[in-house]
Protein backbone atom coordinates (compact mmCIF):
# COMPACT_ATOMS: atom_id res chain seq x y z
CA UNK A 1 -26.74 -24.75 -20.80
CA UNK A 2 -25.30 -21.67 -22.46
CA UNK A 3 -23.78 -21.75 -25.92
CA UNK A 4 -21.76 -19.27 -27.95
CA UNK A 5 -22.70 -19.00 -31.60
CA UNK A 6 -21.82 -16.45 -34.32
CA UNK A 7 -25.12 -14.77 -33.57
CA UNK A 8 -24.39 -14.22 -29.87
CA UNK A 9 -24.99 -15.80 -26.48
CA UNK A 10 -28.12 -17.80 -25.84
CA UNK A 11 -29.36 -20.44 -23.43
CA UNK A 12 -32.15 -22.96 -23.23
CA UNK A 13 -34.50 -20.03 -22.78
CA UNK A 14 -33.66 -16.61 -24.29
CA UNK A 15 -33.28 -13.82 -21.70
CA UNK A 16 -36.38 -11.69 -21.26
CA UNK A 17 -34.43 -8.47 -21.78
CA UNK A 18 -33.09 -9.56 -25.17
CA UNK A 19 -29.50 -10.44 -26.02
CA UNK A 20 -26.62 -8.68 -27.79
CA UNK A 21 -26.72 -9.03 -31.56
CA UNK A 22 -23.10 -10.18 -31.53
CA UNK A 23 -20.82 -11.94 -29.08
CA UNK A 24 -18.58 -8.89 -29.31
CA UNK A 25 -21.33 -6.34 -28.73
CA UNK A 26 -20.10 -3.36 -26.69
CA UNK A 27 -20.86 -3.26 -22.98
CA UNK A 28 -22.42 -0.12 -21.46
CA UNK A 29 -19.83 -0.06 -18.66
CA UNK A 30 -19.62 3.39 -17.07
CA UNK A 31 -21.29 5.55 -19.65
CA UNK A 32 -20.02 3.24 -22.38
CA UNK A 33 -16.64 2.49 -20.81
CA UNK A 34 -15.01 -0.43 -19.04
CA UNK A 35 -12.87 -0.33 -15.92
CA UNK A 36 -9.62 0.93 -17.50
CA UNK A 37 -11.25 3.80 -19.35
CA UNK A 38 -13.40 4.64 -16.33
CA UNK A 39 -10.34 5.02 -14.08
CA UNK A 40 -8.57 7.14 -16.71
CA UNK A 41 -11.59 9.40 -17.07
CA UNK A 42 -11.91 9.74 -13.30
CA UNK A 43 -8.28 10.89 -12.96
CA UNK A 44 -8.51 13.09 -16.06
CA UNK A 45 -11.64 14.88 -14.84
CA UNK A 46 -10.19 15.28 -11.34
CA UNK A 47 -7.04 16.88 -12.76
CA UNK A 48 -9.12 19.18 -14.94
CA UNK A 49 -11.16 20.31 -11.96
CA UNK A 50 -8.01 20.80 -9.89
CA UNK A 51 -6.57 23.02 -12.63
CA UNK A 52 -9.65 25.21 -12.95
CA UNK A 53 -9.22 28.61 -11.38
CA UNK A 54 -5.58 28.07 -10.37
CA UNK A 55 -2.32 29.60 -11.56
CA UNK A 56 -1.36 26.14 -12.83
CA UNK A 57 -3.64 26.65 -15.81
CA UNK A 58 -1.70 29.75 -17.00
CA UNK A 59 1.93 29.00 -16.21
CA UNK A 60 3.67 30.55 -19.20
CA UNK A 61 2.30 33.40 -21.30
CA UNK A 62 -1.26 32.66 -20.19
CA UNK A 63 -1.25 29.27 -21.93
CA UNK A 64 -4.03 26.88 -20.98
CA UNK A 65 -3.04 23.36 -19.93
CA UNK A 66 -4.77 20.44 -21.68
CA UNK A 67 -5.45 17.19 -19.80
CA UNK A 68 -6.49 14.21 -21.93
CA UNK A 69 -6.34 10.41 -22.27
CA UNK A 70 -4.79 10.74 -25.73
CA UNK A 71 -1.28 11.89 -26.54
CA UNK A 72 -1.53 15.50 -27.79
CA UNK A 73 -0.80 15.79 -31.50
CA UNK A 74 -1.95 19.37 -32.15
CA UNK A 75 -0.20 22.59 -31.22
CA UNK A 76 -3.33 23.90 -29.47
CA UNK A 77 -3.04 21.07 -26.93
CA UNK A 78 0.44 22.10 -25.72
CA UNK A 79 1.36 22.23 -22.90
CA UNK A 80 -0.54 19.14 -21.92
CA UNK A 81 -0.81 16.19 -19.54
CA UNK A 82 -1.33 12.70 -20.98
CA UNK A 83 -3.12 10.37 -18.52
CA UNK A 84 -2.25 6.64 -18.61
CA UNK A 85 -3.27 3.80 -16.31
CA UNK A 86 -2.59 0.08 -15.92
CA UNK A 87 -3.81 -2.50 -13.40
CA UNK A 88 -1.50 -4.32 -11.00
CA UNK A 89 -4.19 -6.43 -9.38
CA UNK A 90 -7.92 -7.08 -9.76
CA UNK A 91 -9.61 -9.23 -7.11
CA UNK A 92 -13.19 -9.89 -6.19
CA UNK A 93 -14.20 -8.99 -2.65
CA UNK A 94 -14.95 -12.46 -1.33
CA UNK A 95 -15.12 -15.93 -2.88
CA UNK A 96 -18.30 -16.47 -4.87
CA UNK A 97 -19.69 -13.35 -3.21
CA UNK A 98 -22.58 -11.85 -5.18
CA UNK A 99 -24.92 -9.68 -3.08
CA UNK A 100 -27.89 -7.70 -4.37
CA UNK A 101 -28.70 -4.01 -4.50
CA UNK A 102 -32.26 -2.83 -4.05
CA UNK A 103 -33.12 -0.49 -6.91
CA UNK A 104 -36.41 1.38 -6.45
CA UNK A 105 -37.70 1.90 -9.99
CA UNK A 106 -40.83 3.81 -8.96
CA UNK A 107 -41.78 5.08 -5.52
CA UNK A 108 -45.57 5.20 -5.91
CA UNK A 109 -46.59 2.49 -6.34
CA UNK A 110 -43.30 1.00 -5.22
CA UNK A 111 -41.60 -1.08 -7.90
CA UNK A 112 -38.39 -2.74 -6.78
CA UNK A 113 -35.72 -4.41 -8.88
CA UNK A 114 -33.02 -6.46 -7.14
CA UNK A 115 -29.77 -6.14 -9.09
CA UNK A 116 -26.96 -8.70 -8.59
CA UNK A 117 -23.57 -7.09 -8.17
CA UNK A 118 -19.96 -8.13 -7.75
CA UNK A 119 -17.59 -6.04 -5.69
CA UNK A 120 -14.12 -5.74 -7.17
CA UNK A 121 -11.05 -4.23 -5.55
CA UNK A 122 -8.09 -3.24 -7.69
CA UNK A 123 -4.65 -1.72 -7.53
CA UNK A 124 -2.94 0.11 -10.33
CA UNK A 125 -0.54 2.84 -11.38
CA UNK A 126 -1.39 6.14 -13.02
CA UNK A 127 1.25 7.86 -15.15
CA UNK A 128 1.05 11.54 -16.03
CA UNK A 129 3.20 12.47 -19.03
CA UNK A 130 3.85 16.19 -19.35
CA UNK A 131 4.51 17.59 -22.82
CA UNK A 132 5.56 21.17 -23.60
CA UNK A 133 7.32 23.28 -26.19
CA UNK A 134 9.88 24.81 -23.82
CA UNK A 135 11.97 23.44 -20.98
CA UNK A 136 10.72 26.16 -18.63
CA UNK A 137 7.09 25.41 -19.42
CA UNK A 138 7.67 21.69 -18.79
CA UNK A 139 9.48 22.30 -15.48
CA UNK A 140 6.82 24.65 -14.14
CA UNK A 141 4.04 22.27 -15.06
CA UNK A 142 5.93 19.34 -13.51
CA UNK A 143 6.47 21.31 -10.29
CA UNK A 144 2.78 22.11 -10.13
CA UNK A 145 1.80 18.47 -10.68
CA UNK A 146 4.16 17.33 -7.92
CA UNK A 147 2.71 19.95 -5.58
CA UNK A 148 -0.83 18.82 -6.39
CA UNK A 149 -0.05 15.14 -5.78
CA UNK A 150 2.10 15.63 -2.70
CA UNK A 151 -0.07 18.15 -0.85
CA UNK A 152 -3.61 17.16 -1.83
CA UNK A 153 -5.44 16.38 1.38
CA UNK A 154 -9.05 15.84 2.43
CA UNK A 155 -10.64 18.54 4.66
CA UNK A 156 -9.77 18.49 8.34
CA UNK A 157 -12.28 16.76 10.57
CA UNK A 158 -12.41 19.75 12.89
CA UNK A 159 -11.45 23.25 11.75
CA UNK A 160 -11.52 25.81 14.52
CA UNK A 161 -10.34 28.65 12.31
CA UNK A 162 -11.01 28.14 8.57
CA UNK A 163 -8.46 30.83 7.67
CA UNK A 164 -5.77 28.83 9.44
CA UNK A 165 -6.49 25.55 7.68
CA UNK A 166 -3.32 24.72 5.72
CA UNK A 167 -4.63 21.59 4.03
CA UNK A 168 -5.44 23.02 0.63
CA UNK A 169 -5.37 21.54 -2.90
CA UNK A 170 -8.55 19.57 -2.20
CA UNK A 171 -10.09 19.65 -5.67
CA UNK A 172 -8.25 16.51 -6.81
CA UNK A 173 -9.49 14.34 -3.93
CA UNK A 174 -12.95 15.91 -3.90
CA UNK A 175 -13.49 15.14 -7.58
CA UNK A 176 -12.35 11.52 -7.19
CA UNK A 177 -14.66 11.08 -4.19
CA UNK A 178 -17.65 12.31 -6.22
CA UNK A 179 -17.08 9.97 -9.18
CA UNK A 180 -20.25 7.88 -9.66
CA UNK A 181 -18.52 4.85 -11.22
CA UNK A 182 -15.41 4.00 -9.18
CA UNK A 183 -14.06 4.76 -5.71
CA UNK A 184 -10.37 5.73 -5.82
CA UNK A 185 -7.71 6.51 -3.23
CA UNK A 186 -4.36 8.00 -4.25
CA UNK A 187 -1.06 7.09 -2.61
CA UNK A 188 0.30 10.56 -1.91
CA UNK A 189 3.33 9.26 -0.04
CA UNK A 190 5.23 8.04 -3.09
CA UNK A 191 5.61 9.76 -6.45
CA UNK A 192 7.68 7.89 -9.04
CA UNK A 193 9.54 10.13 -11.54
CA UNK A 194 9.93 8.79 -15.06
CA UNK A 195 12.68 11.19 -16.06
CA UNK A 196 12.84 14.21 -18.33
CA UNK A 197 13.49 14.01 -22.03
CA UNK A 198 13.59 15.92 -25.28
CA UNK A 199 12.16 14.84 -28.63
CA UNK A 200 13.57 15.84 -31.99
CA UNK A 201 10.29 17.06 -33.33
CA UNK A 202 6.60 17.33 -32.47
CA UNK A 203 3.65 15.67 -34.26
CA UNK A 204 2.95 18.67 -36.51
CA UNK A 205 6.54 19.82 -37.18
CA UNK A 206 9.73 17.75 -37.24
CA UNK A 207 11.88 20.84 -36.74
CA UNK A 208 10.36 21.93 -33.42
CA UNK A 209 11.79 20.23 -30.30
CA UNK A 210 9.47 18.83 -27.67
CA UNK A 211 10.06 18.55 -23.94
CA UNK A 212 8.60 15.77 -21.79
CA UNK A 213 8.51 14.60 -18.19
CA UNK A 214 6.46 11.94 -16.41
CA UNK A 215 5.35 11.08 -12.89
CA UNK A 216 3.51 8.00 -11.65
CA UNK A 217 1.53 7.22 -8.51
CA UNK A 218 -0.31 4.17 -7.24
CA UNK A 219 -4.03 4.01 -6.59
CA UNK A 220 -6.33 1.69 -4.67
CA UNK A 221 -9.87 1.40 -5.98
CA UNK A 222 -13.12 -0.42 -5.70
CA UNK A 223 -16.21 -0.67 -7.89
CA UNK A 224 -19.48 -2.54 -8.02
CA UNK A 225 -20.26 -4.28 -11.31
CA UNK A 226 -24.03 -4.37 -11.72
CA UNK A 227 -25.29 -7.07 -14.10
CA UNK A 228 -28.33 -6.69 -16.34
CA UNK A 229 -30.67 -9.39 -17.65
CA UNK A 230 -29.50 -8.78 -21.24
CA UNK A 231 -25.93 -9.83 -20.46
CA UNK A 232 -24.50 -6.31 -20.22
CA UNK A 233 -23.16 -4.59 -17.14
CA UNK A 234 -22.53 -1.16 -15.66
CA UNK A 235 -20.11 0.19 -13.06
CA UNK A 236 -21.10 1.90 -9.82
CA UNK A 237 -19.02 3.41 -7.05
CA UNK A 238 -19.19 2.01 -3.53
CA UNK A 239 -21.80 4.42 -2.19
CA UNK A 240 -24.25 1.77 -1.06
CA UNK A 241 -23.48 -1.47 0.74
CA UNK A 242 -25.08 -4.44 -1.05
CA UNK A 243 -26.95 -6.95 1.04
CA UNK A 244 -28.81 -10.22 0.70
CA UNK A 245 -32.59 -9.69 0.69
CA UNK A 246 -34.74 -11.45 3.25
CA UNK A 247 -37.94 -13.29 2.39
CA UNK A 248 -39.90 -10.21 3.50
CA UNK A 249 -38.32 -8.15 0.71
CA UNK A 250 -39.95 -10.27 -1.95
CA UNK A 251 -43.47 -9.78 -0.60
């Protein structure tokens, strides 16, 4: 029997790995984050990598583009891209399905720890809000974002002549594929515009107009939630297929 008290979770026997000091103790997640923040960070880092070394990062007067999960409130962060995300669906892969992952703690002598995991699939929508101080700066940044989303493609399976390979803009997909916490696939076939707008002031000056635009796209993702004996969890991308151990694995 497990009971919730002001001091935290406990059972008939306390867990060997200890327990959180409070029922609301933070979970490790993916480097300290849960699923929503992890997806935002994955998209944010992918956009940052896609901007590095491209003309997109110096569209107007050599200005550097800022990509962040927070709405930019300082002048140094303009022009910028604000990354937002919300789930449409979260479903476990299977009913009561909880396989194990073999984690080799030490190779010599071999020390193995079997970690129970749950595989979750999810759908959601990412919204990129573009903020700038001029209409031209906003439009150029919006055009570049559309180009990146619409024409990002994985490498060709067979490339006879690398100089003739037209499928460029791969940094966005490559970065998402290398994320260690979640596996994400972008729907490049549909980009949803949110409409352009103008604000009567910016966070640091009410007299300066601001220019905004937004574009959304859907994603399909999957992650493995690995549970620990202390009640916490961490996220892991689908790089290894979990399996049920046989009796020989325990020997």
